[in-house]
C-alpha atoms as a PDB file:
ATOM      1  CA  UNK A   1     -27.052  23.503   9.150  1.00  0.00           C
ATOM      2  CA  UNK A   2     -24.622  20.602   9.361  1.00  0.00           C
ATOM      3  CA  UNK A   3     -24.189  19.061  12.827  1.00  0.00           C
ATOM      4  CA  UNK A   4     -22.122  16.237  14.024  1.00  0.00           C
ATOM      5  CA  UNK A   5     -22.129  15.249  17.752  1.00  0.00           C
ATOM      6  CA  UNK A   6     -19.814  12.537  19.120  1.00  0.00           C
ATOM      7  CA  UNK A   7     -19.560  10.593  15.902  1.00  0.00           C
ATOM      8  CA  UNK A   8     -17.423   7.429  16.116  1.00  0.00           C
ATOM      9  CA  UNK A   9     -16.539   5.106  13.252  1.00  0.00           C
ATOM     10  CA  UNK A  10     -14.243   2.070  13.452  1.00  0.00           C
ATOM     11  CA  UNK A  11     -13.134  -0.287  10.726  1.00  0.00           C
ATOM     12  CA  UNK A  12     -11.900  -3.867  11.121  1.00  0.00           C
ATOM     13  CA  UNK A  13      -8.997  -4.366   8.839  1.00  0.00           C
ATOM     14  CA  UNK A  14      -7.662  -7.825   7.999  1.00  0.00           C
ATOM     15  CA  UNK A  15      -3.891  -8.190   8.336  1.00  0.00           C
ATOM     16  CA  UNK A  16      -1.312 -10.885   7.390  1.00  0.00           C
ATOM     17  CA  UNK A  17       2.347 -11.069   6.931  1.00  0.00           C
ATOM     18  CA  UNK A  18       3.927 -11.573   3.472  1.00  0.00           C
ATOM     19  CA  UNK A  19       4.847 -15.045   2.246  1.00  0.00           C
ATOM     20  CA  UNK A  20       3.125 -18.280   1.142  1.00  0.00           C
ATOM     21  CA  UNK A  21       3.158 -19.776   4.613  1.00  0.00           C
ATOM     22  CA  UNK A  22       1.346 -16.844   6.164  1.00  0.00           C
ATOM     23  CA  UNK A  23      -1.102 -16.802   3.267  1.00  0.00           C
ATOM     24  CA  UNK A  24      -1.976 -20.395   3.942  1.00  0.00           C
ATOM     25  CA  UNK A  25      -2.295 -19.701   7.785  1.00  0.00           C
ATOM     26  CA  UNK A  26      -4.669 -16.848   7.057  1.00  0.00           C
ATOM     27  CA  UNK A  27      -7.158 -19.231   5.476  1.00  0.00           C
ATOM     28  CA  UNK A  28      -7.872 -20.730   8.899  1.00  0.00           C
ATOM     29  CA  UNK A  29      -6.898 -17.936  11.351  1.00  0.00           C
ATOM     30  CA  UNK A  30      -7.855 -14.350  10.583  1.00  0.00           C
ATOM     31  CA  UNK A  31      -6.021 -11.481  12.240  1.00  0.00           C
ATOM     32  CA  UNK A  32      -7.896  -8.281  12.481  1.00  0.00           C
ATOM     33  CA  UNK A  33      -6.921  -4.791  13.565  1.00  0.00           C
ATOM     34  CA  UNK A  34      -9.353  -2.040  14.587  1.00  0.00           C
ATOM     35  CA  UNK A  35      -8.767   1.308  12.881  1.00  0.00           C
ATOM     36  CA  UNK A  36     -10.545   4.226  14.562  1.00  0.00           C
ATOM     37  CA  UNK A  37     -11.402   6.478  11.588  1.00  0.00           C
ATOM     38  CA  UNK A  38     -13.402   8.963  13.763  1.00  0.00           C
ATOM     39  CA  UNK A  39     -13.344   9.580  17.494  1.00  0.00           C
ATOM     40  CA  UNK A  40     -15.978  11.767  19.098  1.00  0.00           C
ATOM     41  CA  UNK A  41     -16.104  13.944  16.019  1.00  0.00           C
ATOM     42  CA  UNK A  42     -18.302  17.055  16.793  1.00  0.00           C
ATOM     43  CA  UNK A  43     -18.797  20.280  14.796  1.00  0.00           C
ATOM     44  CA  UNK A  44     -21.492  22.425  13.335  1.00  0.00           C
ATOM     45  CA  UNK A  45     -21.625  24.457  10.093  1.00  0.00           C
ATOM     46  CA  UNK A  46     -24.195  27.163   9.579  1.00  0.00           C
ATOM     47  CA  UNK A  47     -26.020  27.606   6.249  1.00  0.00           C
ATOM     48  CA  UNK A  48     -24.060  29.441   3.565  1.00  0.00           C
ATOM     49  CA  UNK A  49     -20.605  28.931   5.056  1.00  0.00           C
ATOM     50  CA  UNK A  50     -17.605  27.676   3.073  1.00  0.00           C
ATOM     51  CA  UNK A  51     -15.471  25.493   5.407  1.00  0.00           C
ATOM     52  CA  UNK A  52     -12.143  23.765   4.689  1.00  0.00           C
ATOM     53  CA  UNK A  53     -11.645  20.348   6.125  1.00  0.00           C
ATOM     54  CA  UNK A  54      -7.894  19.437   6.242  1.00  0.00           C
ATOM     55  CA  UNK A  55      -5.635  16.821   7.563  1.00  0.00           C
ATOM     56  CA  UNK A  56      -3.067  14.230   6.312  1.00  0.00           C
ATOM     57  CA  UNK A  57      -4.004  11.100   4.455  1.00  0.00           C
ATOM     58  CA  UNK A  58      -5.866   8.615   6.683  1.00  0.00           C
ATOM     59  CA  UNK A  59      -7.022  11.368   9.078  1.00  0.00           C
ATOM     60  CA  UNK A  60     -10.741  10.572   8.582  1.00  0.00           C
ATOM     61  CA  UNK A  61     -11.860  13.260   6.073  1.00  0.00           C
ATOM     62  CA  UNK A  62     -13.320  11.069   3.447  1.00  0.00           C
ATOM     63  CA  UNK A  63     -15.032   8.960   6.222  1.00  0.00           C
ATOM     64  CA  UNK A  64     -16.655  12.188   7.487  1.00  0.00           C
ATOM     65  CA  UNK A  65     -17.981  13.065   3.945  1.00  0.00           C
ATOM     66  CA  UNK A  66     -19.390   9.517   3.471  1.00  0.00           C
ATOM     67  CA  UNK A  67     -21.200   9.699   6.794  1.00  0.00           C
ATOM     68  CA  UNK A  68     -22.601  13.147   5.963  1.00  0.00           C
ATOM     69  CA  UNK A  69     -23.651  11.910   2.557  1.00  0.00           C
ATOM     70  CA  UNK A  70     -25.439   8.867   4.064  1.00  0.00           C
ATOM     71  CA  UNK A  71     -23.046   6.312   2.395  1.00  0.00           C
ATOM     72  CA  UNK A  72     -21.715   5.163   5.800  1.00  0.00           C
ATOM     73  CA  UNK A  73     -23.404   4.576   9.185  1.00  0.00           C
ATOM     74  CA  UNK A  74     -21.415   5.642  12.281  1.00  0.00           C
ATOM     75  CA  UNK A  75     -20.962   3.392  15.180  1.00  0.00           C
ATOM     76  CA  UNK A  76     -22.129   5.998  17.657  1.00  0.00           C
ATOM     77  CA  UNK A  77     -23.145   9.663  17.818  1.00  0.00           C
ATOM     78  CA  UNK A  78     -25.686  11.895  16.052  1.00  0.00           C
ATOM     79  CA  UNK A  79     -25.580  13.726  12.760  1.00  0.00           C
ATOM     80  CA  UNK A  80     -28.043  15.912  10.820  1.00  0.00           C
ATOM     81  CA  UNK A  81     -27.716  17.780   7.523  1.00  0.00           C
ATOM     82  CA  UNK A  82     -30.489  20.386   7.010  1.00  0.00           C
ATOM     83  CA  UNK A  83     -32.523  18.643   9.621  1.00  0.00           C
ATOM     84  CA  UNK A  84     -32.303  15.118   8.177  1.00  0.00           C
ATOM     85  CA  UNK A  85     -30.299  12.140   9.381  1.00  0.00           C
ATOM     86  CA  UNK A  86     -28.291  11.192   6.298  1.00  0.00           C
ATOM     87  CA  UNK A  87     -28.496   7.357   6.493  1.00  0.00           C
ATOM     88  CA  UNK A  88     -32.101   7.190   7.726  1.00  0.00           C
ATOM     89  CA  UNK A  89     -33.774   9.453   5.101  1.00  0.00           C
ATOM     90  CA  UNK A  90     -31.502   9.083   2.158  1.00  0.00           C
ATOM     91  CA  UNK A  91     -33.937   9.849  -0.661  1.00  0.00           C
ATOM     92  CA  UNK A  92     -34.902  13.273   0.834  1.00  0.00           C
ATOM     93  CA  UNK A  93     -31.278  13.908   1.904  1.00  0.00           C
ATOM     94  CA  UNK A  94     -29.599  13.284  -1.469  1.00  0.00           C
ATOM     95  CA  UNK A  95     -32.219  15.435  -3.220  1.00  0.00           C
ATOM     96  CA  UNK A  96     -30.773  18.377  -1.232  1.00  0.00           C
ATOM     97  CA  UNK A  97     -27.179  17.382  -1.548  1.00  0.00           C
ATOM     98  CA  UNK A  98     -24.411  17.760  -4.145  1.00  0.00           C
ATOM     99  CA  UNK A  99     -21.249  15.623  -3.786  1.00  0.00           C
ATOM    100  CA  UNK A 100     -18.040  15.656  -5.868  1.00  0.00           C
ATOM    101  CA  UNK A 101     -15.224  13.115  -5.253  1.00  0.00           C
ATOM    102  CA  UNK A 102     -12.100  14.208  -7.037  1.00  0.00           C
ATOM    103  CA  UNK A 103     -11.012  10.632  -7.842  1.00  0.00           C
ATOM    104  CA  UNK A 104     -14.490   9.186  -8.711  1.00  0.00           C
ATOM    105  CA  UNK A 105     -16.841  10.062 -11.475  1.00  0.00           C
ATOM    106  CA  UNK A 106     -20.589  10.280 -11.639  1.00  0.00           C
ATOM    107  CA  UNK A 107     -20.463  10.758 -15.436  1.00  0.00           C
ATOM    108  CA  UNK A 108     -21.183   7.840 -17.730  1.00  0.00           C
ATOM    109  CA  UNK A 109     -17.812   7.049 -19.436  1.00  0.00           C
ATOM    110  CA  UNK A 110     -18.793   6.382 -23.014  1.00  0.00           C
ATOM    111  CA  UNK A 111     -21.660   8.751 -23.683  1.00  0.00           C
ATOM    112  CA  UNK A 112     -21.629  12.601 -24.189  1.00  0.00           C
ATOM    113  CA  UNK A 113     -21.680  14.605 -21.020  1.00  0.00           C
ATOM    114  CA  UNK A 114     -25.130  15.934 -21.743  1.00  0.00           C
ATOM    115  CA  UNK A 115     -26.577  12.442 -21.798  1.00  0.00           C
ATOM    116  CA  UNK A 116     -25.278  11.992 -18.204  1.00  0.00           C
ATOM    117  CA  UNK A 117     -26.806  15.316 -17.206  1.00  0.00           C
ATOM    118  CA  UNK A 118     -30.222  14.326 -18.696  1.00  0.00           C
ATOM    119  CA  UNK A 119     -30.077  10.987 -16.831  1.00  0.00           C
ATOM    120  CA  UNK A 120     -29.214  12.777 -13.612  1.00  0.00           C
ATOM    121  CA  UNK A 121     -32.131  15.145 -14.239  1.00  0.00           C
ATOM    122  CA  UNK A 122     -34.509  12.077 -14.357  1.00  0.00           C
ATOM    123  CA  UNK A 123     -32.859  10.424 -11.270  1.00  0.00           C
ATOM    124  CA  UNK A 124     -33.353  13.515  -9.152  1.00  0.00           C
ATOM    125  CA  UNK A 125     -36.679  14.334 -10.815  1.00  0.00           C
ATOM    126  CA  UNK A 126     -35.573  17.861 -11.350  1.00  0.00           C
ATOM    127  CA  UNK A 127     -38.229  20.059 -12.875  1.00  0.00           C
ATOM    128  CA  UNK A 128     -37.397  20.873 -16.508  1.00  0.00           C
ATOM    129  CA  UNK A 129     -37.443  24.651 -15.983  1.00  0.00           C
ATOM    130  CA  UNK A 130     -35.101  24.288 -13.034  1.00  0.00           C
ATOM    131  CA  UNK A 131     -32.790  22.012 -14.886  1.00  0.00           C
ATOM    132  CA  UNK A 132     -32.701  24.201 -18.052  1.00  0.00           C
ATOM    133  CA  UNK A 133     -31.912  27.361 -16.015  1.00  0.00           C
ATOM    134  CA  UNK A 134     -29.194  25.634 -14.000  1.00  0.00           C
ATOM    135  CA  UNK A 135     -27.693  23.985 -17.169  1.00  0.00           C
ATOM    136  CA  UNK A 136     -27.445  27.337 -18.839  1.00  0.00           C
ATOM    137  CA  UNK A 137     -25.938  29.124 -15.789  1.00  0.00           C
ATOM    138  CA  UNK A 138     -23.439  26.359 -15.110  1.00  0.00           C
ATOM    139  CA  UNK A 139     -22.412  26.057 -18.750  1.00  0.00           C
ATOM    140  CA  UNK A 140     -21.592  29.694 -18.749  1.00  0.00           C
ATOM    141  CA  UNK A 141     -19.850  29.849 -15.419  1.00  0.00           C
ATOM    142  CA  UNK A 142     -17.795  26.743 -15.926  1.00  0.00           C
ATOM    143  CA  UNK A 143     -17.215  27.284 -19.623  1.00  0.00           C
ATOM    144  CA  UNK A 144     -18.520  23.892 -20.676  1.00  0.00           C
ATOM    145  CA  UNK A 145     -19.646  24.742 -24.249  1.00  0.00           C
ATOM    146  CA  UNK A 146     -18.647  21.844 -26.577  1.00  0.00           C
ATOM    147  CA  UNK A 147     -17.761  19.668 -23.649  1.00  0.00           C
ATOM    148  CA  UNK A 148     -21.379  18.731 -23.309  1.00  0.00           C
ATOM    149  CA  UNK A 149     -21.128  16.921 -26.660  1.00  0.00           C
ATOM    150  CA  UNK A 150     -18.023  15.019 -25.685  1.00  0.00           C
ATOM    151  CA  UNK A 151     -17.862  11.535 -24.086  1.00  0.00           C
ATOM    152  CA  UNK A 152     -16.462  11.698 -20.487  1.00  0.00           C
ATOM    153  CA  UNK A 153     -13.558   9.342 -21.406  1.00  0.00           C
ATOM    154  CA  UNK A 154     -12.263  11.915 -23.987  1.00  0.00           C
ATOM    155  CA  UNK A 155     -12.153  14.841 -21.484  1.00  0.00           C
ATOM    156  CA  UNK A 156      -8.943  16.065 -19.792  1.00  0.00           C
ATOM    157  CA  UNK A 157      -8.951  15.895 -16.018  1.00  0.00           C
ATOM    158  CA  UNK A 158      -9.658  19.550 -15.713  1.00  0.00           C
ATOM    159  CA  UNK A 159     -12.509  19.402 -18.180  1.00  0.00           C
ATOM    160  CA  UNK A 160     -14.024  16.383 -16.455  1.00  0.00           C
ATOM    161  CA  UNK A 161     -13.839  17.989 -13.056  1.00  0.00           C
ATOM    162  CA  UNK A 162     -15.722  21.014 -14.255  1.00  0.00           C
ATOM    163  CA  UNK A 163     -18.445  18.692 -15.665  1.00  0.00           C
ATOM    164  CA  UNK A 164     -18.504  16.800 -12.397  1.00  0.00           C
ATOM    165  CA  UNK A 165     -19.143  19.923 -10.387  1.00  0.00           C
ATOM    166  CA  UNK A 166     -21.911  21.002 -12.885  1.00  0.00           C
ATOM    167  CA  UNK A 167     -23.472  17.476 -12.514  1.00  0.00           C
ATOM    168  CA  UNK A 168     -23.580  17.813  -8.722  1.00  0.00           C
ATOM    169  CA  UNK A 169     -25.418  21.168  -8.957  1.00  0.00           C
ATOM    170  CA  UNK A 170     -28.000  20.555 -11.657  1.00  0.00           C
ATOM    171  CA  UNK A 171     -30.716  19.756  -9.057  1.00  0.00           C
ATOM    172  CA  UNK A 172     -30.015  22.956  -6.962  1.00  0.00           C
ATOM    173  CA  UNK A 173     -28.699  21.345  -3.778  1.00  0.00           C
ATOM    174  CA  UNK A 174     -28.506  23.334  -0.614  1.00  0.00           C
ATOM    175  CA  UNK A 175     -25.247  21.601   0.574  1.00  0.00           C
ATOM    176  CA  UNK A 176     -22.161  20.737  -1.491  1.00  0.00           C
ATOM    177  CA  UNK A 177     -19.448  18.380  -0.345  1.00  0.00           C
ATOM    178  CA  UNK A 178     -16.310  18.681  -2.267  1.00  0.00           C
ATOM    179  CA  UNK A 179     -13.638  15.907  -1.666  1.00  0.00           C
ATOM    180  CA  UNK A 180     -10.419  17.074  -3.219  1.00  0.00           C
ATOM    181  CA  UNK A 181     -12.089  18.726  -6.318  1.00  0.00           C
ATOM    182  CA  UNK A 182      -8.841  20.284  -7.621  1.00  0.00           C
ATOM    183  CA  UNK A 183      -6.601  17.141  -7.357  1.00  0.00           C
ATOM    184  CA  UNK A 184      -4.323  16.810 -10.337  1.00  0.00           C
ATOM    185  CA  UNK A 185      -5.624  19.933 -12.057  1.00  0.00           C
ATOM    186  CA  UNK A 186      -3.421  22.465 -13.725  1.00  0.00           C
ATOM    187  CA  UNK A 187      -3.255  26.060 -12.454  1.00  0.00           C
ATOM    188  CA  UNK A 188      -5.833  27.504 -14.886  1.00  0.00           C
ATOM    189  CA  UNK A 189      -8.383  24.776 -14.099  1.00  0.00           C
ATOM    190  CA  UNK A 190      -7.851  25.322 -10.387  1.00  0.00           C
ATOM    191  CA  UNK A 191      -8.583  28.967 -10.780  1.00  0.00           C
ATOM    192  CA  UNK A 192     -11.768  28.365 -12.727  1.00  0.00           C
ATOM    193  CA  UNK A 193     -13.036  25.789 -10.115  1.00  0.00           C
ATOM    194  CA  UNK A 194     -12.303  28.212  -7.229  1.00  0.00           C
ATOM    195  CA  UNK A 195     -13.985  31.152  -8.908  1.00  0.00           C
ATOM    196  CA  UNK A 196     -17.022  28.951  -9.561  1.00  0.00           C
ATOM    197  CA  UNK A 197     -17.291  27.793  -5.993  1.00  0.00           C
ATOM    198  CA  UNK A 198     -17.200  31.405  -4.722  1.00  0.00           C
ATOM    199  CA  UNK A 199     -19.834  32.464  -7.292  1.00  0.00           C
ATOM    200  CA  UNK A 200     -22.123  29.497  -6.393  1.00  0.00           C
ATOM    201  CA  UNK A 201     -21.895  30.433  -2.766  1.00  0.00           C
ATOM    202  CA  UNK A 202     -22.521  34.102  -3.444  1.00  0.00           C
ATOM    203  CA  UNK A 203     -25.524  33.553  -5.768  1.00  0.00           C
ATOM    204  CA  UNK A 204     -27.230  30.575  -4.208  1.00  0.00           C
ATOM    205  CA  UNK A 205     -25.963  30.695  -0.606  1.00  0.00           C
ATOM    206  CA  UNK A 206     -24.787  27.051  -0.989  1.00  0.00           C
ATOM    207  CA  UNK A 207     -23.129  25.567   2.126  1.00  0.00           C
ATOM    208  CA  UNK A 208     -19.748  24.018   1.166  1.00  0.00           C
ATOM    209  CA  UNK A 209     -17.571  21.591   2.993  1.00  0.00           C
ATOM    210  CA  UNK A 210     -14.164  21.297   1.200  1.00  0.00           C
ATOM    211  CA  UNK A 211     -11.541  18.635   1.810  1.00  0.00           C
ATOM    212  CA  UNK A 212      -8.274  19.181   0.080  1.00  0.00           C
ATOM    213  CA  UNK A 213      -4.508  18.876   0.380  1.00  0.00           C
ATOM    214  CA  UNK A 214      -4.084  22.050  -1.621  1.00  0.00           C
ATOM    215  CA  UNK A 215      -3.779  24.874   0.985  1.00  0.00           C
ATOM    216  CA  UNK A 216      -4.184  27.478  -1.807  1.00  0.00           C
ATOM    217  CA  UNK A 217      -7.780  26.171  -2.151  1.00  0.00           C
ATOM    218  CA  UNK A 218      -8.299  26.834   1.612  1.00  0.00           C
ATOM    219  CA  UNK A 219      -6.719  30.273   1.453  1.00  0.00           C
ATOM    220  CA  UNK A 220      -8.730  31.339  -1.658  1.00  0.00           C
ATOM    221  CA  UNK A 221     -12.116  29.967  -0.594  1.00  0.00           C
ATOM    222  CA  UNK A 222     -12.588  29.336   3.143  1.00  0.00           C
ATOM    223  CA  UNK A 223     -13.280  31.590   6.070  1.00  0.00           C
ATOM    224  CA  UNK A 224     -13.103  28.764   8.539  1.00  0.00           C
ATOM    225  CA  UNK A 225     -10.942  25.683   8.767  1.00  0.00           C
ATOM    226  CA  UNK A 226     -11.378  22.398  10.661  1.00  0.00           C
ATOM    227  CA  UNK A 227      -8.185  20.402  11.149  1.00  0.00           C
ATOM    228  CA  UNK A 228      -8.455  16.673  11.782  1.00  0.00           C
ATOM    229  CA  UNK A 229      -5.860  14.137  12.732  1.00  0.00           C
ATOM    230  CA  UNK A 230      -6.154  10.475  13.643  1.00  0.00           C
ATOM    231  CA  UNK A 231      -9.936  10.723  13.581  1.00  0.00           C
ATOM    232  CA  UNK A 232     -10.155  13.628  16.038  1.00  0.00           C
ATOM    233  CA  UNK A 233     -10.960  17.331  15.537  1.00  0.00           C
ATOM    234  CA  UNK A 234      -7.793  19.123  16.570  1.00  0.00           C
ATOM    235  CA  UNK A 235      -8.538  22.738  15.642  1.00  0.00           C
ATOM    236  CA  UNK A 236     -11.559  24.791  14.601  1.00  0.00           C
ATOM    237  CA  UNK A 237     -10.638  28.310  13.665  1.00  0.00           C
ATOM    238  CA  UNK A 238     -10.594  31.026  10.996  1.00  0.00           C
ATOM    239  CA  UNK A 239      -8.256  31.022   8.019  1.00  0.00           C
ATOM    240  CA  UNK A 240      -6.196  33.851   9.521  1.00  0.00           C
ATOM    241  CA  UNK A 241      -5.519  31.686  12.562  1.00  0.00           C
ATOM    242  CA  UNK A 242      -4.350  28.766  10.459  1.00  0.00           C
ATOM    243  CA  UNK A 243      -2.191  31.004   8.273  1.00  0.00           C
ATOM    244  CA  UNK A 244      -0.429  32.459  11.338  1.00  0.00           C
ATOM    245  CA  UNK A 245       0.286  28.937  12.625  1.00  0.00           C
ATOM    246  CA  UNK A 246       1.609  27.875   9.229  1.00  0.00           C
ATOM    247  CA  UNK A 247       4.039  30.885   9.106  1.00  0.00           C
ATOM    248  CA  UNK A 248       1.828  33.256   7.126  1.00  0.00           C
ATOM    249  CA  UNK A 249       2.262  31.073   3.906  1.00  0.00           C
ATOM    250  CA  UNK A 250      -0.279  28.422   3.425  1.00  0.00           C
ATOM    251  CA  UNK A 251       0.913  27.539  -0.074  1.00  0.00           C
ATOM    252  CA  UNK A 252       4.225  25.724   0.736  1.00  0.00           C
ATOM    253  CA  UNK A 253       4.239  22.044   1.636  1.00  0.00           C
ATOM    254  CA  UNK A 254       6.878  22.745   4.312  1.00  0.00           C
ATOM    255  CA  UNK A 255       4.508  25.092   6.133  1.00  0.00           C
ATOM    256  CA  UNK A 256       1.634  22.661   6.064  1.00  0.00           C
ATOM    257  CA  UNK A 257       3.926  19.801   7.202  1.00  0.00           C
ATOM    258  CA  UNK A 258       5.066  22.024  10.055  1.00  0.00           C
ATOM    259  CA  UNK A 259       1.374  22.763  11.007  1.00  0.00           C
ATOM    260  CA  UNK A 260       0.633  19.018  11.093  1.00  0.00           C
ATOM    261  CA  UNK A 261       3.756  18.428  13.223  1.00  0.00           C
ATOM    262  CA  UNK A 262       2.581  21.023  15.824  1.00  0.00           C
ATOM    263  CA  UNK A 263      -0.473  18.727  16.417  1.00  0.00           C
ATOM    264  CA  UNK A 264       1.511  15.480  16.329  1.00  0.00           C
ATOM    265  CA  UNK A 265       0.102  14.186  13.059  1.00  0.00           C
END
């Protein structure tokens, strides 16, 4: 169970006008603006559900994932993931958690992927039998094969993303956070990633929170959607409800833009 109750998070962002004079002034007088990333964010996700988390850039999606992962502390509110407060009991929390950030890598760049997997096995202290079983299953489902012998820097984006997802699941986490896992992937790679997420959820009952700008991901994977804008939860409904509001076609950018405009975001 994932629960957030009244979570607030504010950033202080330093601002200055362009130009040499303004740069010199900023050395002595700092101008800060407060950015409210999350405002009274509250929702709960039961075990085994795949939930889409959508909204425009800057809406607060990644901030939510970072708080749920224990990377950030909120300014106010309460949050638990599988009964643990993420930022207070991080070691136990991360042992039950898998996270994939589409634009960041957890693979070591210059060594074969398998070397990264073995290091992650040791970091998470995964039992050898569990690790080997998961490795064989993930290699088969994600078609990794010879990719395990290849340095991460030599992989295509789609190949690397499949390896990233495998790396996040080698220790059998109960919860999986996917932050734009299909960004930049071609159509074939996207289909493979989607098929795998559904299979992982079916076989292991993994709870999945998926943030994405690709509404085809939402349509293919999620039974429920959370819509966020300007740090606030604007809609919590099933995919059919979102599809109806977007004009029955979630795949077009125009429909998604119209959906956002309905909520003033």
